[in-house]
């Protein structure tokens, strides 16, 4: 067997920690170690972790060498010894066969791959439509192993449901990046380095939702951070300077991206399908009708239109023009 290092930053999750840790102890695969890093908890979380560490020598409790989740992950990783690395959120649950399923997938496929699993949200207050939609979208991609095909929409690799070979994690820069959201940044680096996603049809992770979870409350997960990271990696990985750039959409996201492109002196054509905005001057750029795209045969198109029906229209329109997703056009929402 090969040891799996499970990195668990934790902060003020005393209510959920016992069932989280128990779900790991109950795994069908038992060659693992937990590196649990306390990020300055003010409740009983640290005492709970020490209690489990006394009962199981595979559990190590560490103090964050810095502050925040990125520093906590660095602290955990620096003390890890496993051949395979995964993350776990301290308020979630693992399916009983999660570790066994993921490590077997990596052994079969070898280095250069990332093992994934389907996720399921749960909440005592019921799961909202937005999270149900995200779960369905994410699981559809995971079933096919085509997660990168829509990487600019949302984070396509859930932070607590991936596993990689240690050498691959080192190759992508592990947790050295300071860019937030840290899970989305890591997904982009997997993409950048060509790690292939192993398809999975099994629900391996149970993702807890509640009103005060970090992704809901921390400024590092605000929408502007997502837009910044999307544009950063698009310009780095998929932007081709010899191709004309088109931005489709004049909502808040479209305006923020347009402003960012202007600040970087990147030339682009701005179009929309909203008749109330066509012809307007925004940031000293005139909003054009989307048929303007026809003048740019080899255009790269960023789409920031959020409405689902409008997105379907855009897909059909661009498909009829011979445009291909993830090559000619990219949805940013």
C-alpha atoms as a PDB file:
ATOM      1  CA  UNK A   1       0.000   0.000   0.000  1.00  0.00           C
ATOM      2  CA  UNK A   2       1.051   3.634  -0.505  1.00  0.00           C
ATOM      3  CA  UNK A   3       0.509   6.361   2.029  1.00  0.00           C
ATOM      4  CA  UNK A   4      -1.990   9.122   1.277  1.00  0.00           C
ATOM      5  CA  UNK A   5      -1.373  12.468   2.952  1.00  0.00           C
ATOM      6  CA  UNK A   6      -4.637  14.244   3.765  1.00  0.00           C
ATOM      7  CA  UNK A   7      -4.182  17.994   4.292  1.00  0.00           C
ATOM      8  CA  UNK A   8      -6.844  19.531   6.556  1.00  0.00           C
ATOM      9  CA  UNK A   9      -6.749  23.220   7.468  1.00  0.00           C
ATOM     10  CA  UNK A  10      -9.285  23.856  10.225  1.00  0.00           C
ATOM     11  CA  UNK A  11     -10.694  26.892  11.987  1.00  0.00           C
ATOM     12  CA  UNK A  12     -13.720  27.046  14.273  1.00  0.00           C
ATOM     13  CA  UNK A  13     -15.464  23.928  12.974  1.00  0.00           C
ATOM     14  CA  UNK A  14     -15.980  22.152  16.309  1.00  0.00           C
ATOM     15  CA  UNK A  15     -19.564  21.298  15.379  1.00  0.00           C
ATOM     16  CA  UNK A  16     -18.491  19.288  12.324  1.00  0.00           C
ATOM     17  CA  UNK A  17     -14.962  18.019  13.063  1.00  0.00           C
ATOM     18  CA  UNK A  18     -15.854  14.751  14.841  1.00  0.00           C
ATOM     19  CA  UNK A  19     -17.961  13.356  11.978  1.00  0.00           C
ATOM     20  CA  UNK A  20     -15.423  14.628   9.431  1.00  0.00           C
ATOM     21  CA  UNK A  21     -12.506  12.827  11.086  1.00  0.00           C
ATOM     22  CA  UNK A  22     -14.589   9.725  11.732  1.00  0.00           C
ATOM     23  CA  UNK A  23     -15.412   9.512   8.026  1.00  0.00           C
ATOM     24  CA  UNK A  24     -11.658   9.284   7.381  1.00  0.00           C
ATOM     25  CA  UNK A  25     -11.035   6.731  10.135  1.00  0.00           C
ATOM     26  CA  UNK A  26     -13.799   4.587   8.625  1.00  0.00           C
ATOM     27  CA  UNK A  27     -12.213   4.508   5.149  1.00  0.00           C
ATOM     28  CA  UNK A  28     -11.755   1.143   3.418  1.00  0.00           C
ATOM     29  CA  UNK A  29      -8.155   2.235   2.666  1.00  0.00           C
ATOM     30  CA  UNK A  30      -6.159   2.686   5.845  1.00  0.00           C
ATOM     31  CA  UNK A  31      -2.641   3.693   4.767  1.00  0.00           C
ATOM     32  CA  UNK A  32      -3.105   7.412   5.285  1.00  0.00           C
ATOM     33  CA  UNK A  33      -1.929  10.271   7.438  1.00  0.00           C
ATOM     34  CA  UNK A  34      -3.820  13.401   8.420  1.00  0.00           C
ATOM     35  CA  UNK A  35      -1.936  16.706   8.631  1.00  0.00           C
ATOM     36  CA  UNK A  36      -4.466  18.857  10.482  1.00  0.00           C
ATOM     37  CA  UNK A  37      -3.413  22.503  10.718  1.00  0.00           C
ATOM     38  CA  UNK A  38      -5.047  24.784  13.265  1.00  0.00           C
ATOM     39  CA  UNK A  39      -5.585  28.232  11.742  1.00  0.00           C
ATOM     40  CA  UNK A  40      -6.098  30.098  15.039  1.00  0.00           C
ATOM     41  CA  UNK A  41      -9.370  28.507  16.111  1.00  0.00           C
ATOM     42  CA  UNK A  42     -11.227  30.219  18.923  1.00  0.00           C
ATOM     43  CA  UNK A  43     -13.608  27.345  19.708  1.00  0.00           C
ATOM     44  CA  UNK A  44     -12.892  23.736  20.813  1.00  0.00           C
ATOM     45  CA  UNK A  45     -11.624  22.584  17.394  1.00  0.00           C
ATOM     46  CA  UNK A  46      -8.001  22.255  18.511  1.00  0.00           C
ATOM     47  CA  UNK A  47      -8.942  20.209  21.570  1.00  0.00           C
ATOM     48  CA  UNK A  48     -11.065  17.919  19.402  1.00  0.00           C
ATOM     49  CA  UNK A  49      -8.196  17.337  16.995  1.00  0.00           C
ATOM     50  CA  UNK A  50      -5.771  16.597  19.824  1.00  0.00           C
ATOM     51  CA  UNK A  51      -8.281  14.076  21.171  1.00  0.00           C
ATOM     52  CA  UNK A  52      -8.311  12.193  17.870  1.00  0.00           C
ATOM     53  CA  UNK A  53      -4.529  12.427  17.532  1.00  0.00           C
ATOM     54  CA  UNK A  54      -4.109  10.714  20.928  1.00  0.00           C
ATOM     55  CA  UNK A  55      -6.308   7.848  19.747  1.00  0.00           C
ATOM     56  CA  UNK A  56      -4.769   7.444  16.282  1.00  0.00           C
ATOM     57  CA  UNK A  57      -1.065   7.915  15.540  1.00  0.00           C
ATOM     58  CA  UNK A  58      -1.860   8.585  11.872  1.00  0.00           C
ATOM     59  CA  UNK A  59      -3.262  11.988  12.868  1.00  0.00           C
ATOM     60  CA  UNK A  60      -0.834  14.874  13.346  1.00  0.00           C
ATOM     61  CA  UNK A  61      -1.958  18.266  14.646  1.00  0.00           C
ATOM     62  CA  UNK A  62       0.048  21.304  13.569  1.00  0.00           C
ATOM     63  CA  UNK A  63      -0.059  25.051  14.146  1.00  0.00           C
ATOM     64  CA  UNK A  64      -0.314  27.247  11.089  1.00  0.00           C
ATOM     65  CA  UNK A  65       3.101  28.759  10.390  1.00  0.00           C
ATOM     66  CA  UNK A  66       1.365  31.781   8.883  1.00  0.00           C
ATOM     67  CA  UNK A  67      -2.269  32.833   8.673  1.00  0.00           C
ATOM     68  CA  UNK A  68      -5.055  31.768   6.357  1.00  0.00           C
ATOM     69  CA  UNK A  69      -5.785  28.686   4.299  1.00  0.00           C
ATOM     70  CA  UNK A  70      -2.871  28.973   1.862  1.00  0.00           C
ATOM     71  CA  UNK A  71      -0.302  29.159   4.678  1.00  0.00           C
ATOM     72  CA  UNK A  72      -2.098  26.303   6.443  1.00  0.00           C
ATOM     73  CA  UNK A  73      -1.845  24.139   3.326  1.00  0.00           C
ATOM     74  CA  UNK A  74       1.857  24.954   3.034  1.00  0.00           C
ATOM     75  CA  UNK A  75       2.374  23.996   6.667  1.00  0.00           C
ATOM     76  CA  UNK A  76       0.538  20.703   6.199  1.00  0.00           C
ATOM     77  CA  UNK A  77       2.320  19.829   2.970  1.00  0.00           C
ATOM     78  CA  UNK A  78       5.758  20.596   4.431  1.00  0.00           C
ATOM     79  CA  UNK A  79       5.181  17.923   7.090  1.00  0.00           C
ATOM     80  CA  UNK A  80       3.562  15.325   4.818  1.00  0.00           C
ATOM     81  CA  UNK A  81       5.241  12.090   3.752  1.00  0.00           C
ATOM     82  CA  UNK A  82       2.701  10.415   1.491  1.00  0.00           C
ATOM     83  CA  UNK A  83       3.160   9.321  -2.128  1.00  0.00           C
ATOM     84  CA  UNK A  84      -0.296  10.713  -2.879  1.00  0.00           C
ATOM     85  CA  UNK A  85      -1.738  14.034  -1.730  1.00  0.00           C
ATOM     86  CA  UNK A  86      -5.322  15.129  -1.202  1.00  0.00           C
ATOM     87  CA  UNK A  87      -7.191  17.870   0.646  1.00  0.00           C
ATOM     88  CA  UNK A  88     -10.135  17.640   2.989  1.00  0.00           C
ATOM     89  CA  UNK A  89     -12.403  20.338   4.387  1.00  0.00           C
ATOM     90  CA  UNK A  90     -12.897  20.057   8.129  1.00  0.00           C
ATOM     91  CA  UNK A  91     -16.673  20.355   7.873  1.00  0.00           C
ATOM     92  CA  UNK A  92     -17.279  17.732   5.152  1.00  0.00           C
ATOM     93  CA  UNK A  93     -17.634  13.952   4.907  1.00  0.00           C
ATOM     94  CA  UNK A  94     -15.887  11.321   2.800  1.00  0.00           C
ATOM     95  CA  UNK A  95     -17.744   8.442   1.201  1.00  0.00           C
ATOM     96  CA  UNK A  96     -16.386   5.269   2.789  1.00  0.00           C
ATOM     97  CA  UNK A  97     -14.474   4.166  -0.326  1.00  0.00           C
ATOM     98  CA  UNK A  98     -13.200   7.586  -1.350  1.00  0.00           C
ATOM     99  CA  UNK A  99      -9.487   7.112  -0.662  1.00  0.00           C
ATOM    100  CA  UNK A 100      -9.398   3.570  -2.041  1.00  0.00           C
ATOM    101  CA  UNK A 101     -11.183   4.579  -5.244  1.00  0.00           C
ATOM    102  CA  UNK A 102      -8.958   7.585  -5.903  1.00  0.00           C
ATOM    103  CA  UNK A 103      -5.635   5.928  -5.129  1.00  0.00           C
ATOM    104  CA  UNK A 104      -6.538   2.925  -7.299  1.00  0.00           C
ATOM    105  CA  UNK A 105      -7.342   5.288 -10.185  1.00  0.00           C
ATOM    106  CA  UNK A 106      -3.938   6.953  -9.817  1.00  0.00           C
ATOM    107  CA  UNK A 107      -2.082   3.639  -9.629  1.00  0.00           C
ATOM    108  CA  UNK A 108      -3.789   2.467 -12.818  1.00  0.00           C
ATOM    109  CA  UNK A 109      -3.271   5.686 -14.799  1.00  0.00           C
ATOM    110  CA  UNK A 110       0.128   6.698 -13.429  1.00  0.00           C
ATOM    111  CA  UNK A 111       1.714  10.108 -13.089  1.00  0.00           C
ATOM    112  CA  UNK A 112       0.346  13.043 -15.038  1.00  0.00           C
ATOM    113  CA  UNK A 113      -3.217  12.441 -13.844  1.00  0.00           C
ATOM    114  CA  UNK A 114      -5.558  13.857 -11.232  1.00  0.00           C
ATOM    115  CA  UNK A 115      -8.121  11.555  -9.615  1.00  0.00           C
ATOM    116  CA  UNK A 116     -11.559  13.058  -9.088  1.00  0.00           C
ATOM    117  CA  UNK A 117     -14.925  12.054  -7.709  1.00  0.00           C
ATOM    118  CA  UNK A 118     -18.456  13.316  -7.928  1.00  0.00           C
ATOM    119  CA  UNK A 119     -19.693  15.524  -5.083  1.00  0.00           C
ATOM    120  CA  UNK A 120     -22.989  15.918  -3.273  1.00  0.00           C
ATOM    121  CA  UNK A 121     -24.022  18.989  -1.289  1.00  0.00           C
ATOM    122  CA  UNK A 122     -25.944  18.598   1.958  1.00  0.00           C
ATOM    123  CA  UNK A 123     -27.294  21.076   4.484  1.00  0.00           C
ATOM    124  CA  UNK A 124     -29.621  20.975   7.453  1.00  0.00           C
ATOM    125  CA  UNK A 125     -31.420  23.966   5.933  1.00  0.00           C
ATOM    126  CA  UNK A 126     -31.714  22.424   2.472  1.00  0.00           C
ATOM    127  CA  UNK A 127     -29.473  22.981  -0.544  1.00  0.00           C
ATOM    128  CA  UNK A 128     -30.235  26.039  -2.672  1.00  0.00           C
ATOM    129  CA  UNK A 129     -30.786  25.966  -6.405  1.00  0.00           C
ATOM    130  CA  UNK A 130     -27.450  27.594  -7.177  1.00  0.00           C
ATOM    131  CA  UNK A 131     -25.493  24.897  -5.372  1.00  0.00           C
ATOM    132  CA  UNK A 132     -27.632  22.143  -6.898  1.00  0.00           C
ATOM    133  CA  UNK A 133     -26.867  23.604 -10.323  1.00  0.00           C
ATOM    134  CA  UNK A 134     -23.149  23.768  -9.581  1.00  0.00           C
ATOM    135  CA  UNK A 135     -23.166  20.176  -8.316  1.00  0.00           C
ATOM    136  CA  UNK A 136     -24.947  18.920 -11.443  1.00  0.00           C
ATOM    137  CA  UNK A 137     -22.616  20.863 -13.770  1.00  0.00           C
ATOM    138  CA  UNK A 138     -19.474  19.735 -11.946  1.00  0.00           C
ATOM    139  CA  UNK A 139     -20.526  16.086 -11.816  1.00  0.00           C
ATOM    140  CA  UNK A 140     -21.367  16.074 -15.527  1.00  0.00           C
ATOM    141  CA  UNK A 141     -17.833  17.218 -16.322  1.00  0.00           C
ATOM    142  CA  UNK A 142     -16.307  14.741 -13.868  1.00  0.00           C
ATOM    143  CA  UNK A 143     -18.212  11.803 -15.374  1.00  0.00           C
ATOM    144  CA  UNK A 144     -16.500  12.520 -18.694  1.00  0.00           C
ATOM    145  CA  UNK A 145     -13.156  13.724 -17.335  1.00  0.00           C
ATOM    146  CA  UNK A 146     -13.706  16.906 -19.356  1.00  0.00           C
ATOM    147  CA  UNK A 147     -13.362  19.301 -16.433  1.00  0.00           C
ATOM    148  CA  UNK A 148     -10.998  21.692 -18.206  1.00  0.00           C
ATOM    149  CA  UNK A 149     -13.418  22.216 -21.101  1.00  0.00           C
ATOM    150  CA  UNK A 150     -15.360  24.759 -19.016  1.00  0.00           C
ATOM    151  CA  UNK A 151     -12.622  25.902 -16.662  1.00  0.00           C
ATOM    152  CA  UNK A 152     -13.361  29.611 -17.129  1.00  0.00           C
ATOM    153  CA  UNK A 153     -16.960  29.275 -15.863  1.00  0.00           C
ATOM    154  CA  UNK A 154     -16.291  28.123 -12.304  1.00  0.00           C
ATOM    155  CA  UNK A 155     -13.734  26.048 -10.414  1.00  0.00           C
ATOM    156  CA  UNK A 156     -13.916  22.686 -12.184  1.00  0.00           C
ATOM    157  CA  UNK A 157     -12.005  20.708  -9.555  1.00  0.00           C
ATOM    158  CA  UNK A 158     -13.595  20.791  -6.076  1.00  0.00           C
ATOM    159  CA  UNK A 159     -10.978  21.608  -3.446  1.00  0.00           C
ATOM    160  CA  UNK A 160     -11.703  18.606  -1.185  1.00  0.00           C
ATOM    161  CA  UNK A 161     -12.208  16.003  -3.932  1.00  0.00           C
ATOM    162  CA  UNK A 162      -8.980  15.528  -5.870  1.00  0.00           C
ATOM    163  CA  UNK A 163      -5.879  13.415  -5.418  1.00  0.00           C
ATOM    164  CA  UNK A 164      -2.540  13.561  -7.229  1.00  0.00           C
ATOM    165  CA  UNK A 165       0.873  11.960  -7.173  1.00  0.00           C
ATOM    166  CA  UNK A 166       3.240  13.953  -4.973  1.00  0.00           C
ATOM    167  CA  UNK A 167       5.643  14.532  -7.876  1.00  0.00           C
ATOM    168  CA  UNK A 168       2.819  15.994  -9.949  1.00  0.00           C
ATOM    169  CA  UNK A 169       1.805  18.365  -7.159  1.00  0.00           C
ATOM    170  CA  UNK A 170       5.414  19.544  -6.897  1.00  0.00           C
ATOM    171  CA  UNK A 171       5.525  19.990 -10.669  1.00  0.00           C
ATOM    172  CA  UNK A 172       2.535  22.366 -10.637  1.00  0.00           C
ATOM    173  CA  UNK A 173       3.959  24.391  -7.735  1.00  0.00           C
ATOM    174  CA  UNK A 174       2.025  22.766  -4.880  1.00  0.00           C
ATOM    175  CA  UNK A 175       0.809  25.587  -2.592  1.00  0.00           C
ATOM    176  CA  UNK A 176       3.479  28.160  -3.346  1.00  0.00           C
ATOM    177  CA  UNK A 177       1.068  30.490  -5.150  1.00  0.00           C
ATOM    178  CA  UNK A 178      -0.503  33.334  -3.171  1.00  0.00           C
ATOM    179  CA  UNK A 179      -3.400  33.708  -5.602  1.00  0.00           C
ATOM    180  CA  UNK A 180      -6.984  33.381  -4.371  1.00  0.00           C
ATOM    181  CA  UNK A 181      -9.273  31.509  -4.646  1.00  0.00           C
ATOM    182  CA  UNK A 182      -6.546  28.964  -3.915  1.00  0.00           C
ATOM    183  CA  UNK A 183      -8.523  25.923  -5.123  1.00  0.00           C
ATOM    184  CA  UNK A 184      -9.346  27.573  -8.458  1.00  0.00           C
ATOM    185  CA  UNK A 185      -5.719  28.625  -8.859  1.00  0.00           C
ATOM    186  CA  UNK A 186      -4.576  25.032  -8.322  1.00  0.00           C
ATOM    187  CA  UNK A 187      -7.111  23.785 -10.878  1.00  0.00           C
ATOM    188  CA  UNK A 188      -5.696  26.231 -13.421  1.00  0.00           C
ATOM    189  CA  UNK A 189      -2.171  25.001 -12.681  1.00  0.00           C
ATOM    190  CA  UNK A 190      -3.279  21.388 -13.181  1.00  0.00           C
ATOM    191  CA  UNK A 191      -4.678  22.557 -16.525  1.00  0.00           C
ATOM    192  CA  UNK A 192      -1.531  24.499 -17.385  1.00  0.00           C
ATOM    193  CA  UNK A 193       0.725  21.503 -16.749  1.00  0.00           C
ATOM    194  CA  UNK A 194      -1.523  19.100 -18.652  1.00  0.00           C
ATOM    195  CA  UNK A 195      -2.581  16.807 -15.790  1.00  0.00           C
ATOM    196  CA  UNK A 196      -5.339  14.623 -17.229  1.00  0.00           C
ATOM    197  CA  UNK A 197      -8.603  14.281 -15.318  1.00  0.00           C
ATOM    198  CA  UNK A 198      -9.599  10.665 -14.643  1.00  0.00           C
ATOM    199  CA  UNK A 199     -13.361  10.268 -15.221  1.00  0.00           C
ATOM    200  CA  UNK A 200     -15.431   9.145 -12.237  1.00  0.00           C
ATOM    201  CA  UNK A 201     -19.066   8.093 -11.819  1.00  0.00           C
ATOM    202  CA  UNK A 202     -19.014   7.750  -8.036  1.00  0.00           C
ATOM    203  CA  UNK A 203     -20.026  10.285  -5.402  1.00  0.00           C
ATOM    204  CA  UNK A 204     -16.915  10.338  -3.223  1.00  0.00           C
ATOM    205  CA  UNK A 205     -17.339  13.563  -1.299  1.00  0.00           C
ATOM    206  CA  UNK A 206     -20.199  15.066   0.695  1.00  0.00           C
ATOM    207  CA  UNK A 207     -19.917  18.839   0.729  1.00  0.00           C
ATOM    208  CA  UNK A 208     -21.574  20.617   3.651  1.00  0.00           C
ATOM    209  CA  UNK A 209     -23.221  23.987   3.080  1.00  0.00           C
ATOM    210  CA  UNK A 210     -24.070  26.438   5.829  1.00  0.00           C
ATOM    211  CA  UNK A 211     -24.388  30.204   6.108  1.00  0.00           C
ATOM    212  CA  UNK A 212     -21.008  30.916   7.706  1.00  0.00           C
ATOM    213  CA  UNK A 213     -18.733  28.590   5.732  1.00  0.00           C
ATOM    214  CA  UNK A 214     -15.552  30.262   4.506  1.00  0.00           C
ATOM    215  CA  UNK A 215     -16.478  30.302   0.823  1.00  0.00           C
ATOM    216  CA  UNK A 216     -19.567  32.341   1.713  1.00  0.00           C
ATOM    217  CA  UNK A 217     -17.957  34.802   4.112  1.00  0.00           C
ATOM    218  CA  UNK A 218     -14.311  35.381   3.144  1.00  0.00           C
ATOM    219  CA  UNK A 219     -13.437  38.304   0.884  1.00  0.00           C
ATOM    220  CA  UNK A 220     -11.019  35.975  -0.940  1.00  0.00           C
ATOM    221  CA  UNK A 221     -14.003  34.204  -2.521  1.00  0.00           C
ATOM    222  CA  UNK A 222     -15.768  37.336  -3.715  1.00  0.00           C
ATOM    223  CA  UNK A 223     -16.713  37.534  -7.391  1.00  0.00           C
ATOM    224  CA  UNK A 224     -13.960  40.004  -8.269  1.00  0.00           C
ATOM    225  CA  UNK A 225     -11.337  37.443  -7.241  1.00  0.00           C
ATOM    226  CA  UNK A 226     -12.889  34.879  -9.586  1.00  0.00           C
ATOM    227  CA  UNK A 227     -12.917  37.295 -12.512  1.00  0.00           C
ATOM    228  CA  UNK A 228      -9.319  38.314 -11.872  1.00  0.00           C
ATOM    229  CA  UNK A 229      -8.074  34.739 -11.783  1.00  0.00           C
ATOM    230  CA  UNK A 230     -10.029  33.786 -14.901  1.00  0.00           C
ATOM    231  CA  UNK A 231      -8.602  36.648 -16.923  1.00  0.00           C
ATOM    232  CA  UNK A 232      -5.084  36.092 -15.555  1.00  0.00           C
ATOM    233  CA  UNK A 233      -4.990  32.493 -16.726  1.00  0.00           C
ATOM    234  CA  UNK A 234      -6.853  33.138 -19.967  1.00  0.00           C
ATOM    235  CA  UNK A 235      -4.237  35.692 -20.999  1.00  0.00           C
ATOM    236  CA  UNK A 236      -1.499  33.310 -19.923  1.00  0.00           C
ATOM    237  CA  UNK A 237      -2.803  30.036 -21.361  1.00  0.00           C
ATOM    238  CA  UNK A 238      -5.400  30.555 -24.091  1.00  0.00           C
ATOM    239  CA  UNK A 239      -4.997  34.093 -25.435  1.00  0.00           C
ATOM    240  CA  UNK A 240      -3.333  34.240 -28.836  1.00  0.00           C
ATOM    241  CA  UNK A 241      -2.167  37.758 -29.648  1.00  0.00           C
ATOM    242  CA  UNK A 242      -2.399  37.192 -33.396  1.00  0.00           C
ATOM    243  CA  UNK A 243      -6.145  36.526 -33.094  1.00  0.00           C
ATOM    244  CA  UNK A 244      -8.613  39.398 -32.597  1.00  0.00           C
ATOM    245  CA  UNK A 245     -10.189  39.402 -29.131  1.00  0.00           C
ATOM    246  CA  UNK A 246     -13.933  39.895 -28.660  1.00  0.00           C
ATOM    247  CA  UNK A 247     -15.720  40.445 -25.353  1.00  0.00           C
ATOM    248  CA  UNK A 248     -19.425  39.506 -25.452  1.00  0.00           C
ATOM    249  CA  UNK A 249     -21.541  40.911 -22.626  1.00  0.00           C
ATOM    250  CA  UNK A 250     -22.189  44.328 -21.049  1.00  0.00           C
ATOM    251  CA  UNK A 251     -23.313  43.356 -17.554  1.00  0.00           C
ATOM    252  CA  UNK A 252     -21.272  43.893 -14.402  1.00  0.00           C
ATOM    253  CA  UNK A 253     -18.846  41.064 -15.206  1.00  0.00           C
ATOM    254  CA  UNK A 254     -18.429  42.264 -18.779  1.00  0.00           C
ATOM    255  CA  UNK A 255     -17.715  45.792 -17.587  1.00  0.00           C
ATOM    256  CA  UNK A 256     -15.137  44.643 -15.050  1.00  0.00           C
ATOM    257  CA  UNK A 257     -13.325  42.510 -17.614  1.00  0.00           C
ATOM    258  CA  UNK A 258     -13.458  45.329 -20.169  1.00  0.00           C
ATOM    259  CA  UNK A 259     -11.949  47.737 -17.675  1.00  0.00           C
ATOM    260  CA  UNK A 260      -9.211  45.232 -16.861  1.00  0.00           C
ATOM    261  CA  UNK A 261      -8.398  44.692 -20.538  1.00  0.00           C
ATOM    262  CA  UNK A 262      -8.272  48.444 -21.144  1.00  0.00           C
ATOM    263  CA  UNK A 263      -5.925  48.921 -18.185  1.00  0.00           C
ATOM    264  CA  UNK A 264      -3.627  46.287 -19.679  1.00  0.00           C
ATOM    265  CA  UNK A 265      -3.747  47.989 -23.110  1.00  0.00           C
ATOM    266  CA  UNK A 266      -5.231  44.879 -24.710  1.00  0.00           C
ATOM    267  CA  UNK A 267      -7.161  45.633 -27.882  1.00  0.00           C
ATOM    268  CA  UNK A 268     -10.623  44.064 -28.094  1.00  0.00           C
ATOM    269  CA  UNK A 269     -14.025  44.480 -29.713  1.00  0.00           C
ATOM    270  CA  UNK A 270     -16.952  44.734 -27.301  1.00  0.00           C
ATOM    271  CA  UNK A 271     -20.309  43.293 -28.379  1.00  0.00           C
ATOM    272  CA  UNK A 272     -23.623  42.342 -26.832  1.00  0.00           C
ATOM    273  CA  UNK A 273     -27.081  41.058 -27.682  1.00  0.00           C
ATOM    274  CA  UNK A 274     -28.901  43.579 -25.457  1.00  0.00           C
ATOM    275  CA  UNK A 275     -30.647  46.061 -27.733  1.00  0.00           C
ATOM    276  CA  UNK A 276     -30.720  48.655 -24.919  1.00  0.00           C
ATOM    277  CA  UNK A 277     -26.925  48.771 -24.760  1.00  0.00           C
ATOM    278  CA  UNK A 278     -25.898  48.475 -28.401  1.00  0.00           C
ATOM    279  CA  UNK A 279     -24.418  51.792 -29.501  1.00  0.00           C
ATOM    280  CA  UNK A 280     -23.641  53.024 -25.988  1.00  0.00           C
ATOM    281  CA  UNK A 281     -20.206  54.382 -25.096  1.00  0.00           C
ATOM    282  CA  UNK A 282     -18.771  52.607 -22.045  1.00  0.00           C
ATOM    283  CA  UNK A 283     -15.197  53.368 -20.957  1.00  0.00           C
ATOM    284  CA  UNK A 284     -14.832  55.233 -24.263  1.00  0.00           C
ATOM    285  CA  UNK A 285     -15.639  52.078 -26.228  1.00  0.00           C
ATOM    286  CA  UNK A 286     -18.745  51.804 -28.365  1.00  0.00           C
ATOM    287  CA  UNK A 287     -20.869  48.746 -27.720  1.00  0.00           C
ATOM    288  CA  UNK A 288     -21.383  46.864 -30.996  1.00  0.00           C
ATOM    289  CA  UNK A 289     -24.010  44.377 -32.154  1.00  0.00           C
ATOM    290  CA  UNK A 290     -22.835  40.780 -31.865  1.00  0.00           C
ATOM    291  CA  UNK A 291     -22.871  40.347 -35.646  1.00  0.00           C
ATOM    292  CA  UNK A 292     -19.674  42.393 -35.527  1.00  0.00           C
ATOM    293  CA  UNK A 293     -18.026  39.039 -34.775  1.00  0.00           C
ATOM    294  CA  UNK A 294     -18.562  38.090 -38.444  1.00  0.00           C
ATOM    295  CA  UNK A 295     -15.893  40.624 -39.362  1.00  0.00           C
ATOM    296  CA  UNK A 296     -13.317  38.752 -37.294  1.00  0.00           C
ATOM    297  CA  UNK A 297     -13.044  35.291 -38.815  1.00  0.00           C
ATOM    298  CA  UNK A 298     -10.432  33.982 -36.365  1.00  0.00           C
ATOM    299  CA  UNK A 299     -11.667  35.729 -33.235  1.00  0.00           C
ATOM    300  CA  UNK A 300     -11.162  34.599 -29.658  1.00  0.00           C
ATOM    301  CA  UNK A 301     -14.397  35.307 -27.805  1.00  0.00           C
ATOM    302  CA  UNK A 302     -14.886  35.775 -24.054  1.00  0.00           C
ATOM    303  CA  UNK A 303     -18.561  35.489 -23.054  1.00  0.00           C
ATOM    304  CA  UNK A 304     -19.800  37.041 -19.790  1.00  0.00           C
ATOM    305  CA  UNK A 305     -23.543  36.628 -20.372  1.00  0.00           C
ATOM    306  CA  UNK A 306     -25.046  34.798 -17.364  1.00  0.00           C
ATOM    307  CA  UNK A 307     -28.618  34.205 -18.551  1.00  0.00           C
ATOM    308  CA  UNK A 308     -28.985  30.508 -19.429  1.00  0.00           C
ATOM    309  CA  UNK A 309     -31.313  31.065 -22.383  1.00  0.00           C
ATOM    310  CA  UNK A 310     -29.002  33.732 -23.766  1.00  0.00           C
ATOM    311  CA  UNK A 311     -26.049  31.381 -23.323  1.00  0.00           C
ATOM    312  CA  UNK A 312     -27.840  28.716 -25.340  1.00  0.00           C
ATOM    313  CA  UNK A 313     -28.555  31.236 -28.097  1.00  0.00           C
ATOM    314  CA  UNK A 314     -24.877  32.256 -28.117  1.00  0.00           C
ATOM    315  CA  UNK A 315     -23.745  28.626 -28.344  1.00  0.00           C
ATOM    316  CA  UNK A 316     -26.070  27.944 -31.250  1.00  0.00           C
ATOM    317  CA  UNK A 317     -25.076  31.142 -33.029  1.00  0.00           C
ATOM    318  CA  UNK A 318     -21.356  30.508 -32.691  1.00  0.00           C
ATOM    319  CA  UNK A 319     -21.715  26.838 -33.590  1.00  0.00           C
ATOM    320  CA  UNK A 320     -23.503  27.819 -36.783  1.00  0.00           C
ATOM    321  CA  UNK A 321     -20.499  30.027 -37.560  1.00  0.00           C
ATOM    322  CA  UNK A 322     -18.169  27.053 -37.154  1.00  0.00           C
ATOM    323  CA  UNK A 323     -16.814  28.220 -33.796  1.00  0.00           C
ATOM    324  CA  UNK A 324     -15.667  25.618 -31.272  1.00  0.00           C
ATOM    325  CA  UNK A 325     -15.887  25.845 -27.456  1.00  0.00           C
ATOM    326  CA  UNK A 326     -12.586  26.006 -25.539  1.00  0.00           C
ATOM    327  CA  UNK A 327     -10.834  26.992 -28.769  1.00  0.00           C
ATOM    328  CA  UNK A 328     -12.756  29.892 -30.273  1.00  0.00           C
ATOM    329  CA  UNK A 329     -15.028  30.902 -27.406  1.00  0.00           C
ATOM    330  CA  UNK A 330     -14.912  30.680 -23.611  1.00  0.00           C
ATOM    331  CA  UNK A 331     -17.755  31.198 -21.155  1.00  0.00           C
ATOM    332  CA  UNK A 332     -16.660  33.195 -18.113  1.00  0.00           C
ATOM    333  CA  UNK A 333     -19.914  32.614 -16.225  1.00  0.00           C
END
